[in-house]
Protein backbone atom coordinates (compact mmCIF):
# COMPACT_ATOMS: atom_id res chain seq x y z
CA MET A 1 -14.87 -134.46 -29.11
CA ASP A 2 -12.40 -136.22 -26.86
CA ILE A 3 -9.77 -133.52 -27.51
CA ALA A 4 -12.18 -130.73 -26.57
CA ARG A 5 -13.12 -132.52 -23.35
CA SER A 6 -9.48 -133.01 -22.33
CA LEU A 7 -8.66 -129.39 -23.24
CA PHE A 8 -11.60 -128.20 -21.15
CA GLY A 9 -10.41 -130.38 -18.25
CA GLU A 10 -6.91 -128.93 -18.49
CA ILE A 11 -8.26 -125.36 -18.50
CA LEU A 12 -10.39 -126.13 -15.45
CA ALA A 13 -7.39 -127.66 -13.67
CA ILE A 14 -5.26 -124.59 -14.39
CA ALA A 15 -8.07 -122.31 -13.20
CA GLY A 16 -8.41 -124.41 -10.04
CA TYR A 17 -4.69 -124.14 -9.33
CA ALA A 18 -4.85 -120.39 -9.89
CA VAL A 19 -7.75 -120.05 -7.44
CA LEU A 20 -5.91 -122.20 -4.90
CA PHE A 21 -2.75 -120.11 -5.30
CA ALA A 22 -4.76 -116.89 -4.90
CA ALA A 23 -6.42 -118.22 -1.74
CA VAL A 24 -3.10 -119.18 -0.15
CA TYR A 25 -1.59 -115.83 -1.13
CA LYS A 26 -4.56 -114.00 0.41
CA LEU A 27 -4.24 -116.01 3.63
CA PHE A 28 -0.59 -114.98 3.92
CA GLN A 29 -1.59 -111.34 3.38
CA ILE A 30 -4.23 -111.59 6.10
CA GLY A 31 -1.72 -113.20 8.45
CA THR A 32 0.78 -110.42 7.82
CA ASP A 33 -1.85 -107.74 8.39
CA LEU A 34 -2.96 -109.37 11.64
CA GLY A 35 0.65 -109.49 12.81
CA GLU A 36 1.07 -105.79 12.08
CA ILE A 37 -2.16 -104.96 13.91
CA LYS A 38 -0.97 -107.03 16.88
CA GLU A 39 2.33 -105.13 17.01
CA LEU A 40 0.53 -101.78 16.79
CA LEU A 41 -1.78 -102.73 19.65
CA LYS A 42 1.18 -103.84 21.76
CA GLY A 43 2.92 -100.53 21.09
CA GLN A 44 -0.24 -98.59 21.90
CA ARG A 45 -0.65 -100.52 25.16
CA ARG A 46 2.96 -99.70 26.10
CA ASN A 47 2.42 -96.02 25.30
CA ASN A 48 -0.78 -95.93 27.34
CA GLU A 49 0.99 -97.52 30.29
CA LEU A 50 3.80 -94.96 30.06
CA LEU A 51 1.32 -92.10 29.84
CA ALA A 52 -0.64 -93.44 32.82
CA HIS A 53 2.50 -93.41 34.96
CA ALA A 54 3.70 -90.01 33.77
CA GLN A 55 2.94 -86.96 35.85
CA PRO A 56 0.96 -84.32 33.99
CA GLY A 57 3.03 -81.21 33.53
CA ASN A 58 1.64 -77.74 33.09
CA ASP A 59 3.59 -76.16 30.28
CA GLY A 60 1.15 -73.32 29.74
CA ALA A 61 -0.47 -74.85 26.67
CA ASP A 62 -3.64 -75.76 28.56
CA GLU A 63 -4.03 -72.26 29.93
CA TYR A 64 -3.35 -70.74 26.52
CA ALA A 65 -5.97 -72.99 24.94
CA ARG A 66 -8.54 -72.05 27.58
CA ASN A 67 -7.87 -68.33 27.10
CA LEU A 68 -8.10 -68.68 23.33
CA LEU A 69 -11.40 -70.54 23.62
CA ARG A 70 -12.78 -67.84 25.92
CA ALA A 71 -11.71 -65.10 23.51
CA VAL A 72 -13.25 -66.82 20.50
CA SER A 73 -16.45 -67.52 22.42
CA ALA A 74 -16.69 -63.91 23.58
CA GLU A 75 -16.08 -62.65 20.03
CA SER A 76 -18.77 -64.91 18.61
CA HIS A 77 -21.27 -63.73 21.24
CA ARG A 78 -20.39 -60.13 20.48
CA THR A 79 -21.02 -60.57 16.76
CA GLU A 80 -24.24 -62.52 17.33
CA ASN A 81 -25.70 -59.94 19.69
CA GLY A 82 -24.33 -56.86 17.96
CA PRO A 83 -26.13 -54.58 15.49
CA ARG A 84 -26.85 -56.04 12.08
CA GLU A 85 -26.44 -54.12 8.88
CA ALA A 86 -29.33 -53.84 6.46
CA VAL A 87 -28.71 -55.56 3.17
């Protein structure tokens, strides 16, 4: 009975060490992820500051998008209000 008790104690000790190792490993993963998130937020803040100072340029894309939206909207109104075929 003494051998079984010592074997059980050894198994519990190994399991405890494994859990401790897994916890430390997970903490390092979380720390790495937080560092990456911090760097991404810093980069985003820099990009937002650069965009805030940049002058908006009109390259024609806005006007093209507006015209396309108007055309699609007009087409959808035309098909909604047009004659319907009998099925």
